[in-house]
C-alpha atoms as a PDB file:
ATOM      1  CA  UNK A   1     202.001 -16.105  27.267  1.00  0.00           C
ATOM      2  CA  UNK A   2     199.212 -16.225  24.692  1.00  0.00           C
ATOM      3  CA  UNK A   3     196.068 -18.316  25.045  1.00  0.00           C
ATOM      4  CA  UNK A   4     193.478 -18.872  22.319  1.00  0.00           C
ATOM      5  CA  UNK A   5     190.061 -20.284  23.221  1.00  0.00           C
ATOM      6  CA  UNK A   6     187.443 -21.344  20.691  1.00  0.00           C
ATOM      7  CA  UNK A   7     184.107 -22.652  21.991  1.00  0.00           C
ATOM      8  CA  UNK A   8     180.679 -23.500  20.652  1.00  0.00           C
ATOM      9  CA  UNK A   9     178.236 -23.251  23.552  1.00  0.00           C
ATOM     10  CA  UNK A  10     174.560 -24.094  23.947  1.00  0.00           C
ATOM     11  CA  UNK A  11     172.213 -21.312  24.997  1.00  0.00           C
ATOM     12  CA  UNK A  12     172.026 -22.675  28.522  1.00  0.00           C
ATOM     13  CA  UNK A  13     172.178 -19.969  31.177  1.00  0.00           C
ATOM     14  CA  UNK A  14     173.783 -22.402  33.637  1.00  0.00           C
ATOM     15  CA  UNK A  15     176.998 -22.207  31.594  1.00  0.00           C
ATOM     16  CA  UNK A  16     177.470 -18.446  31.972  1.00  0.00           C
ATOM     17  CA  UNK A  17     178.962 -18.553  35.466  1.00  0.00           C
ATOM     18  CA  UNK A  18     181.205 -21.498  34.570  1.00  0.00           C
ATOM     19  CA  UNK A  19     182.460 -19.733  31.418  1.00  0.00           C
ATOM     20  CA  UNK A  20     183.000 -16.527  33.394  1.00  0.00           C
ATOM     21  CA  UNK A  21     185.026 -18.396  36.048  1.00  0.00           C
ATOM     22  CA  UNK A  22     187.121 -20.122  33.383  1.00  0.00           C
ATOM     23  CA  UNK A  23     188.145 -16.838  31.738  1.00  0.00           C
ATOM     24  CA  UNK A  24     188.698 -15.148  35.089  1.00  0.00           C
ATOM     25  CA  UNK A  25     190.990 -17.999  36.102  1.00  0.00           C
ATOM     26  CA  UNK A  26     193.042 -17.703  32.926  1.00  0.00           C
ATOM     27  CA  UNK A  27     193.441 -13.952  33.369  1.00  0.00           C
ATOM     28  CA  UNK A  28     194.347 -14.303  37.048  1.00  0.00           C
ATOM     29  CA  UNK A  29     197.025 -16.871  36.185  1.00  0.00           C
ATOM     30  CA  UNK A  30     198.440 -14.395  33.669  1.00  0.00           C
ATOM     31  CA  UNK A  31     198.821 -11.815  36.450  1.00  0.00           C
ATOM     32  CA  UNK A  32     196.111  -9.445  35.190  1.00  0.00           C
ATOM     33  CA  UNK A  33     194.908  -6.716  37.554  1.00  0.00           C
ATOM     34  CA  UNK A  34     191.853  -7.810  39.595  1.00  0.00           C
ATOM     35  CA  UNK A  35     189.697  -4.897  38.377  1.00  0.00           C
ATOM     36  CA  UNK A  36     190.446  -5.787  34.756  1.00  0.00           C
ATOM     37  CA  UNK A  37     189.623  -9.447  35.421  1.00  0.00           C
ATOM     38  CA  UNK A  38     186.261  -8.382  36.873  1.00  0.00           C
ATOM     39  CA  UNK A  39     185.531  -6.055  33.942  1.00  0.00           C
ATOM     40  CA  UNK A  40     186.266  -8.750  31.342  1.00  0.00           C
ATOM     41  CA  UNK A  41     184.256 -11.376  33.217  1.00  0.00           C
ATOM     42  CA  UNK A  42     181.218  -9.099  33.507  1.00  0.00           C
ATOM     43  CA  UNK A  43     181.398  -7.999  29.851  1.00  0.00           C
ATOM     44  CA  UNK A  44     181.638 -11.630  28.745  1.00  0.00           C
ATOM     45  CA  UNK A  45     178.677 -12.609  30.917  1.00  0.00           C
ATOM     46  CA  UNK A  46     176.608  -9.716  29.525  1.00  0.00           C
ATOM     47  CA  UNK A  47     177.387 -10.686  25.922  1.00  0.00           C
ATOM     48  CA  UNK A  48     176.527 -14.353  26.523  1.00  0.00           C
ATOM     49  CA  UNK A  49     173.345 -13.406  28.377  1.00  0.00           C
ATOM     50  CA  UNK A  50     172.285 -11.204  25.459  1.00  0.00           C
ATOM     51  CA  UNK A  51     172.588 -14.171  23.094  1.00  0.00           C
ATOM     52  CA  UNK A  52     170.602 -16.410  25.406  1.00  0.00           C
ATOM     53  CA  UNK A  53     167.817 -13.877  25.932  1.00  0.00           C
ATOM     54  CA  UNK A  54     167.506 -12.256  22.533  1.00  0.00           C
ATOM     55  CA  UNK A  55     169.168 -14.103  19.644  1.00  0.00           C
ATOM     56  CA  UNK A  56     166.907 -17.069  19.067  1.00  0.00           C
ATOM     57  CA  UNK A  57     163.169 -17.636  18.954  1.00  0.00           C
ATOM     58  CA  UNK A  58     163.705 -21.352  19.622  1.00  0.00           C
ATOM     59  CA  UNK A  59     165.450 -22.789  22.704  1.00  0.00           C
ATOM     60  CA  UNK A  60     168.441 -25.139  22.559  1.00  0.00           C
ATOM     61  CA  UNK A  61     170.504 -23.211  20.013  1.00  0.00           C
ATOM     62  CA  UNK A  62     174.269 -22.663  20.002  1.00  0.00           C
ATOM     63  CA  UNK A  63     176.559 -19.677  19.750  1.00  0.00           C
ATOM     64  CA  UNK A  64     180.271 -19.215  19.228  1.00  0.00           C
ATOM     65  CA  UNK A  65     182.767 -17.696  21.665  1.00  0.00           C
ATOM     66  CA  UNK A  66     186.379 -17.102  20.761  1.00  0.00           C
ATOM     67  CA  UNK A  67     189.058 -15.344  22.715  1.00  0.00           C
ATOM     68  CA  UNK A  68     192.679 -14.408  22.534  1.00  0.00           C
ATOM     69  CA  UNK A  69     194.201 -13.663  25.906  1.00  0.00           C
ATOM     70  CA  UNK A  70     197.592 -12.034  26.327  1.00  0.00           C
ATOM     71  CA  UNK A  71     199.018 -10.269  29.364  1.00  0.00           C
ATOM     72  CA  UNK A  72     198.518  -6.868  27.694  1.00  0.00           C
ATOM     73  CA  UNK A  73     195.151  -7.376  25.958  1.00  0.00           C
ATOM     74  CA  UNK A  74     192.167  -9.673  25.662  1.00  0.00           C
ATOM     75  CA  UNK A  75     189.960  -9.923  22.576  1.00  0.00           C
ATOM     76  CA  UNK A  76     186.607 -11.678  22.943  1.00  0.00           C
ATOM     77  CA  UNK A  77     184.188 -12.430  20.115  1.00  0.00           C
ATOM     78  CA  UNK A  78     180.641 -13.644  20.763  1.00  0.00           C
ATOM     79  CA  UNK A  79     178.703 -14.643  17.638  1.00  0.00           C
ATOM     80  CA  UNK A  80     175.267 -16.071  17.036  1.00  0.00           C
ATOM     81  CA  UNK A  81     173.180 -16.920  13.991  1.00  0.00           C
ATOM     82  CA  UNK A  82     169.998 -15.552  15.510  1.00  0.00           C
ATOM     83  CA  UNK A  83     167.497 -12.884  14.566  1.00  0.00           C
ATOM     84  CA  UNK A  84     169.915  -9.938  14.710  1.00  0.00           C
ATOM     85  CA  UNK A  85     169.481  -6.686  16.594  1.00  0.00           C
ATOM     86  CA  UNK A  86     166.841  -4.100  15.743  1.00  0.00           C
ATOM     87  CA  UNK A  87     168.205  -0.796  14.442  1.00  0.00           C
ATOM     88  CA  UNK A  88     169.447   1.461  17.206  1.00  0.00           C
ATOM     89  CA  UNK A  89     169.696  -1.188  19.930  1.00  0.00           C
ATOM     90  CA  UNK A  90     172.539  -0.424  22.309  1.00  0.00           C
ATOM     91  CA  UNK A  91     173.164   3.050  20.918  1.00  0.00           C
ATOM     92  CA  UNK A  92     171.513   4.891  23.791  1.00  0.00           C
ATOM     93  CA  UNK A  93     170.589   4.156  27.377  1.00  0.00           C
ATOM     94  CA  UNK A  94     167.149   2.650  27.926  1.00  0.00           C
ATOM     95  CA  UNK A  95     164.477   4.460  29.876  1.00  0.00           C
ATOM     96  CA  UNK A  96     165.069   4.379  33.665  1.00  0.00           C
ATOM     97  CA  UNK A  97     162.024   2.144  34.219  1.00  0.00           C
ATOM     98  CA  UNK A  98     163.101  -0.381  31.552  1.00  0.00           C
ATOM     99  CA  UNK A  99     163.793  -3.860  32.910  1.00  0.00           C
ATOM    100  CA  UNK A 100     166.371  -4.765  30.247  1.00  0.00           C
ATOM    101  CA  UNK A 101     168.436  -3.230  27.470  1.00  0.00           C
ATOM    102  CA  UNK A 102     171.553  -2.197  29.348  1.00  0.00           C
ATOM    103  CA  UNK A 103     173.865  -5.052  28.323  1.00  0.00           C
ATOM    104  CA  UNK A 104     175.653  -3.392  25.406  1.00  0.00           C
ATOM    105  CA  UNK A 105     176.033  -0.140  27.337  1.00  0.00           C
ATOM    106  CA  UNK A 106     177.600  -2.025  30.245  1.00  0.00           C
ATOM    107  CA  UNK A 107     179.962  -3.830  27.860  1.00  0.00           C
ATOM    108  CA  UNK A 108     180.980  -0.519  26.258  1.00  0.00           C
ATOM    109  CA  UNK A 109     181.754   0.994  29.663  1.00  0.00           C
ATOM    110  CA  UNK A 110     183.874  -1.969  30.756  1.00  0.00           C
ATOM    111  CA  UNK A 111     185.896  -2.676  27.619  1.00  0.00           C
ATOM    112  CA  UNK A 112     188.438  -0.573  25.708  1.00  0.00           C
ATOM    113  CA  UNK A 113     186.594  -1.020  22.407  1.00  0.00           C
ATOM    114  CA  UNK A 114     183.442  -2.792  21.230  1.00  0.00           C
ATOM    115  CA  UNK A 115     182.360  -3.523  17.669  1.00  0.00           C
ATOM    116  CA  UNK A 116     178.846  -4.825  16.974  1.00  0.00           C
ATOM    117  CA  UNK A 117     177.868  -6.225  13.599  1.00  0.00           C
ATOM    118  CA  UNK A 118     174.325  -7.436  13.065  1.00  0.00           C
ATOM    119  CA  UNK A 119     171.921  -8.258  10.281  1.00  0.00           C
ATOM    120  CA  UNK A 120     168.279  -9.348  10.395  1.00  0.00           C
ATOM    121  CA  UNK A 121     168.001 -13.152  10.383  1.00  0.00           C
ATOM    122  CA  UNK A 122     171.792 -13.438  10.020  1.00  0.00           C
ATOM    123  CA  UNK A 123     172.892 -12.999  13.607  1.00  0.00           C
ATOM    124  CA  UNK A 124     175.080 -10.732  15.643  1.00  0.00           C
ATOM    125  CA  UNK A 125     178.827 -10.551  16.218  1.00  0.00           C
ATOM    126  CA  UNK A 126     180.198  -8.620  19.185  1.00  0.00           C
ATOM    127  CA  UNK A 127     183.959  -8.113  19.341  1.00  0.00           C
ATOM    128  CA  UNK A 128     185.279  -6.717  22.609  1.00  0.00           C
ATOM    129  CA  UNK A 129     188.845  -5.626  23.371  1.00  0.00           C
ATOM    130  CA  UNK A 130     190.311  -4.692  26.708  1.00  0.00           C
ATOM    131  CA  UNK A 131     193.781  -3.325  27.324  1.00  0.00           C
ATOM    132  CA  UNK A 132     194.986  -5.009  30.478  1.00  0.00           C
ATOM    133  CA  UNK A 133     197.077  -3.875  33.401  1.00  0.00           C
ATOM    134  CA  UNK A 134     199.358  -6.666  34.475  1.00  0.00           C
ATOM    135  CA  UNK A 135     202.386  -7.381  36.576  1.00  0.00           C
ATOM    136  CA  UNK A 136     203.450 -10.025  34.057  1.00  0.00           C
ATOM    137  CA  UNK A 137     203.133 -13.759  34.342  1.00  0.00           C
ATOM    138  CA  UNK A 138     202.200 -15.096  37.744  1.00  0.00           C
ATOM    139  CA  UNK A 139     204.782 -17.442  39.297  1.00  0.00           C
END
């Protein structure tokens, strides 16, 4: 089974949990290991939250989420047309007393591979891949 999802979402934090549940449901139906489902759902939520908190100076903007889900791998791409990331963001852990800045590090720990492309005033594209453990298609 292969599922392709292509969404344009508003930067509305209320949609994060719904989007997370939707992807978790798809992966569960595909028979993906529960730990892998949790990892993908958390990484997706972190990436979407980063867009909502950091990408745009103005509220009510949109971003793009695409995904290809297969029993052996999931590829998620979260893209925005926002302000881009400052140099060095996400390359090292923030100071212990920092109240934010851990999102990309969390994503990197959860996923098999992560590629971040960013440019000032041109946005950010985060592609995340996760090799999945699965028992095959659920009945």
